[in-house]
Amino acid sequence: MKKLVCSQRYGTTVVRYQTQQNPPPTELQILNRERFKQATQLALNDMLDPTARTKWAEEAQQSNGKYKTPRGVAFAHYYELMRNEE
């Protein structure tokens, strides 16, 4: 038997069937999530350092629109490093 779920969206009450539960994450998904967390933390730490932030800002400007923010460039750099480690 399916469960009904009530929620509000844009001021309107919506009733729908509950979706299936997702299966537990695989080892690869867990590894990817951990890499993502670590790359995010390293990028945030670089944003607190004015010298590193300036370096990433220059790279963002030279990326021809691929990266819009210094944090995006830093994250991409660290994430790629972690993917290549293994």
N, C-alpha and C. Protein backbone atom coordinates (compact mmCIF):
# COMPACT_ATOMS: atom_id res chain seq x y z
N MET A 1 0.84 -1.18 0.00
CA MET A 1 0.00 0.00 0.00
C MET A 1 0.89 1.24 0.00
N LYS A 2 0.57 2.18 -0.87
CA LYS A 2 1.35 3.40 -0.98
C LYS A 2 0.87 4.42 0.05
N LYS A 3 1.85 5.20 0.56
CA LYS A 3 1.51 6.26 1.50
C LYS A 3 1.25 7.56 0.75
N LEU A 4 0.29 8.33 1.26
CA LEU A 4 0.06 9.66 0.72
C LEU A 4 0.87 10.66 1.53
N VAL A 5 1.42 11.63 0.84
CA VAL A 5 2.23 12.66 1.48
C VAL A 5 1.64 14.01 1.12
N CYS A 6 1.47 14.86 2.12
CA CYS A 6 0.96 16.22 1.90
C CYS A 6 2.12 17.20 2.08
N SER A 7 2.21 18.15 1.18
CA SER A 7 3.22 19.18 1.31
C SER A 7 2.68 20.47 0.71
N GLN A 8 3.35 21.57 1.02
CA GLN A 8 2.92 22.85 0.47
C GLN A 8 3.99 23.36 -0.47
N ARG A 9 3.54 23.77 -1.66
CA ARG A 9 4.43 24.34 -2.66
C ARG A 9 3.81 25.62 -3.18
N TYR A 10 4.53 26.71 -3.02
CA TYR A 10 4.06 28.01 -3.51
C TYR A 10 2.68 28.36 -2.97
N GLY A 11 2.43 28.02 -1.71
CA GLY A 11 1.17 28.37 -1.08
C GLY A 11 0.02 27.43 -1.39
N THR A 12 0.26 26.36 -2.12
CA THR A 12 -0.78 25.40 -2.48
C THR A 12 -0.45 24.06 -1.83
N THR A 13 -1.46 23.42 -1.26
CA THR A 13 -1.25 22.11 -0.67
C THR A 13 -1.28 21.06 -1.78
N VAL A 14 -0.29 20.21 -1.79
CA VAL A 14 -0.17 19.17 -2.81
C VAL A 14 -0.21 17.81 -2.10
N VAL A 15 -1.00 16.89 -2.63
CA VAL A 15 -1.06 15.53 -2.10
C VAL A 15 -0.52 14.60 -3.18
N ARG A 16 0.42 13.74 -2.80
CA ARG A 16 1.02 12.83 -3.77
C ARG A 16 1.38 11.54 -3.07
N TYR A 17 1.71 10.53 -3.86
CA TYR A 17 2.19 9.28 -3.30
C TYR A 17 3.66 9.44 -2.92
N GLN A 18 4.04 8.80 -1.84
CA GLN A 18 5.43 8.85 -1.41
C GLN A 18 6.28 8.08 -2.42
N THR A 19 7.42 8.67 -2.78
CA THR A 19 8.31 8.01 -3.73
C THR A 19 9.06 6.87 -3.04
N GLN A 20 9.63 6.02 -3.84
CA GLN A 20 10.41 4.91 -3.29
C GLN A 20 11.64 5.45 -2.57
N GLN A 21 12.05 4.73 -1.57
CA GLN A 21 13.26 5.11 -0.84
C GLN A 21 14.47 4.77 -1.71
N ASN A 22 15.47 5.61 -1.66
CA ASN A 22 16.70 5.36 -2.40
C ASN A 22 17.47 4.22 -1.74
N PRO A 23 18.18 3.43 -2.54
CA PRO A 23 19.01 2.38 -1.95
C PRO A 23 20.18 3.02 -1.21
N PRO A 24 20.80 2.29 -0.30
CA PRO A 24 21.96 2.86 0.40
C PRO A 24 23.07 3.20 -0.59
N PRO A 25 23.87 4.23 -0.27
CA PRO A 25 24.93 4.65 -1.20
C PRO A 25 25.99 3.56 -1.37
N THR A 26 26.55 3.50 -2.58
CA THR A 26 27.61 2.54 -2.86
C THR A 26 28.94 3.07 -2.31
N GLU A 27 29.94 2.20 -2.32
CA GLU A 27 31.28 2.62 -1.85
C GLU A 27 31.82 3.76 -2.70
N LEU A 28 31.58 3.71 -4.00
CA LEU A 28 32.05 4.76 -4.90
C LEU A 28 31.36 6.09 -4.60
N GLN A 29 30.06 6.05 -4.30
CA GLN A 29 29.34 7.28 -3.97
C GLN A 29 29.86 7.87 -2.66
N ILE A 30 30.12 7.02 -1.71
CA ILE A 30 30.65 7.50 -0.42
C ILE A 30 32.02 8.13 -0.62
N LEU A 31 32.86 7.48 -1.43
CA LEU A 31 34.19 8.02 -1.71
C LEU A 31 34.09 9.37 -2.41
N ASN A 32 33.18 9.47 -3.38
CA ASN A 32 33.00 10.72 -4.11
C ASN A 32 32.52 11.83 -3.19
N ARG A 33 31.60 11.52 -2.30
CA ARG A 33 31.09 12.52 -1.35
C ARG A 33 32.20 13.02 -0.44
N GLU A 34 33.08 12.10 -0.03
CA GLU A 34 34.19 12.47 0.85
C GLU A 34 35.17 13.39 0.10
N ARG A 35 35.46 13.05 -1.14
CA ARG A 35 36.33 13.92 -1.96
C ARG A 35 35.73 15.32 -2.09
N PHE A 36 34.42 15.36 -2.33
CA PHE A 36 33.72 16.63 -2.50
C PHE A 36 33.83 17.47 -1.23
N LYS A 37 33.61 16.84 -0.07
CA LYS A 37 33.73 17.57 1.20
C LYS A 37 35.13 18.12 1.41
N GLN A 38 36.14 17.28 1.14
CA GLN A 38 37.52 17.71 1.34
C GLN A 38 37.90 18.84 0.39
N ALA A 39 37.52 18.72 -0.88
CA ALA A 39 37.83 19.78 -1.85
C ALA A 39 37.13 21.08 -1.48
N THR A 40 35.89 20.98 -1.00
CA THR A 40 35.16 22.17 -0.57
C THR A 40 35.87 22.84 0.60
N GLN A 41 36.31 22.05 1.57
CA GLN A 41 36.98 22.61 2.74
C GLN A 41 38.30 23.27 2.36
N LEU A 42 39.07 22.62 1.50
CA LEU A 42 40.34 23.22 1.06
C LEU A 42 40.11 24.52 0.30
N ALA A 43 39.09 24.55 -0.55
CA ALA A 43 38.79 25.77 -1.31
C ALA A 43 38.36 26.89 -0.36
N LEU A 44 37.54 26.56 0.63
CA LEU A 44 37.11 27.58 1.59
C LEU A 44 38.29 28.12 2.39
N ASN A 45 39.21 27.24 2.77
CA ASN A 45 40.40 27.69 3.50
C ASN A 45 41.23 28.64 2.64
N ASP A 46 41.32 28.35 1.34
CA ASP A 46 42.07 29.24 0.45
C ASP A 46 41.39 30.60 0.33
N MET A 47 40.09 30.65 0.43
CA MET A 47 39.38 31.93 0.32
C MET A 47 39.64 32.82 1.53
N LEU A 48 40.08 32.22 2.64
CA LEU A 48 40.42 33.02 3.82
C LEU A 48 41.82 33.61 3.73
N ASP A 49 42.66 33.07 2.86
CA ASP A 49 44.02 33.56 2.67
C ASP A 49 44.02 34.55 1.51
N PRO A 50 44.31 35.84 1.77
CA PRO A 50 44.24 36.85 0.70
C PRO A 50 45.15 36.56 -0.49
N THR A 51 46.34 36.01 -0.25
CA THR A 51 47.26 35.72 -1.34
C THR A 51 46.71 34.62 -2.24
N ALA A 52 46.24 33.55 -1.64
CA ALA A 52 45.68 32.44 -2.42
C ALA A 52 44.42 32.88 -3.14
N ARG A 53 43.60 33.69 -2.47
CA ARG A 53 42.36 34.17 -3.09
C ARG A 53 42.67 34.99 -4.34
N THR A 54 43.68 35.83 -4.27
CA THR A 54 44.09 36.64 -5.42
C THR A 54 44.54 35.74 -6.57
N LYS A 55 45.31 34.71 -6.24
CA LYS A 55 45.79 33.77 -7.26
C LYS A 55 44.60 33.09 -7.96
N TRP A 56 43.64 32.62 -7.17
CA TRP A 56 42.47 31.94 -7.75
C TRP A 56 41.59 32.94 -8.53
N ALA A 57 41.53 34.18 -8.08
CA ALA A 57 40.73 35.18 -8.79
C ALA A 57 41.33 35.46 -10.18
N GLU A 58 42.65 35.50 -10.24
CA GLU A 58 43.31 35.71 -11.53
C GLU A 58 43.04 34.54 -12.47
N GLU A 59 43.09 33.32 -11.92
CA GLU A 59 42.81 32.14 -12.76
C GLU A 59 41.36 32.14 -13.24
N ALA A 60 40.46 32.60 -12.38
CA ALA A 60 39.04 32.66 -12.78
C ALA A 60 38.85 33.64 -13.93
N GLN A 61 39.55 34.78 -13.88
CA GLN A 61 39.44 35.77 -14.95
C GLN A 61 40.02 35.23 -16.26
N GLN A 62 41.08 34.43 -16.17
CA GLN A 62 41.74 33.90 -17.36
C GLN A 62 41.05 32.66 -17.92
N SER A 63 40.00 32.19 -17.27
CA SER A 63 39.35 30.95 -17.69
C SER A 63 38.33 31.15 -18.81
N ASN A 64 38.19 32.37 -19.30
CA ASN A 64 37.25 32.67 -20.39
C ASN A 64 35.83 32.26 -20.05
N GLY A 65 35.42 32.49 -18.82
CA GLY A 65 34.04 32.22 -18.43
C GLY A 65 33.78 30.82 -17.91
N LYS A 66 34.77 29.94 -17.96
CA LYS A 66 34.56 28.57 -17.45
C LYS A 66 34.30 28.62 -15.95
N TYR A 67 35.06 29.43 -15.24
CA TYR A 67 34.86 29.60 -13.80
C TYR A 67 34.48 31.04 -13.53
N LYS A 68 33.45 31.23 -12.74
CA LYS A 68 32.99 32.59 -12.46
C LYS A 68 33.56 33.15 -11.17
N THR A 69 33.95 32.27 -10.24
CA THR A 69 34.43 32.73 -8.94
C THR A 69 35.77 32.10 -8.61
N PRO A 70 36.56 32.75 -7.75
CA PRO A 70 37.82 32.15 -7.31
C PRO A 70 37.59 30.83 -6.57
N ARG A 71 36.51 30.76 -5.83
CA ARG A 71 36.22 29.53 -5.09
C ARG A 71 35.95 28.37 -6.05
N GLY A 72 35.29 28.64 -7.16
CA GLY A 72 35.02 27.60 -8.15
C GLY A 72 36.30 27.04 -8.75
N VAL A 73 37.25 27.91 -9.04
CA VAL A 73 38.54 27.47 -9.59
C VAL A 73 39.28 26.63 -8.55
N ALA A 74 39.31 27.11 -7.31
CA ALA A 74 40.01 26.39 -6.26
C ALA A 74 39.38 25.01 -6.04
N PHE A 75 38.06 24.97 -5.99
CA PHE A 75 37.38 23.68 -5.79
C PHE A 75 37.72 22.72 -6.93
N ALA A 76 37.63 23.19 -8.17
CA ALA A 76 37.92 22.33 -9.32
C ALA A 76 39.35 21.80 -9.25
N HIS A 77 40.27 22.65 -8.86
CA HIS A 77 41.68 22.25 -8.75
C HIS A 77 41.84 21.14 -7.71
N TYR A 78 41.32 21.35 -6.52
CA TYR A 78 41.48 20.37 -5.45
C TYR A 78 40.72 19.08 -5.73
N TYR A 79 39.55 19.20 -6.33
CA TYR A 79 38.76 18.00 -6.63
C TYR A 79 39.50 17.14 -7.68
N GLU A 80 40.07 17.79 -8.68
CA GLU A 80 40.81 17.06 -9.70
C GLU A 80 42.04 16.40 -9.10
N LEU A 81 42.73 17.09 -8.18
CA LEU A 81 43.88 16.48 -7.52
C LEU A 81 43.49 15.21 -6.78
N MET A 82 42.37 15.25 -6.08
CA MET A 82 41.93 14.09 -5.32
C MET A 82 41.51 12.94 -6.22
N ARG A 83 40.91 13.26 -7.35
CA ARG A 83 40.51 12.19 -8.28
C ARG A 83 41.73 11.53 -8.89
N ASN A 84 42.78 12.29 -9.12
CA ASN A 84 44.00 11.74 -9.73
C ASN A 84 44.90 11.02 -8.74
N GLU A 85 44.67 11.21 -7.45
CA GLU A 85 45.47 10.52 -6.43
C GLU A 85 45.27 9.01 -6.50
N GLU A 86 44.08 8.60 -6.87
CA GLU A 86 43.76 7.17 -6.80
C GLU A 86 43.85 6.48 -8.12
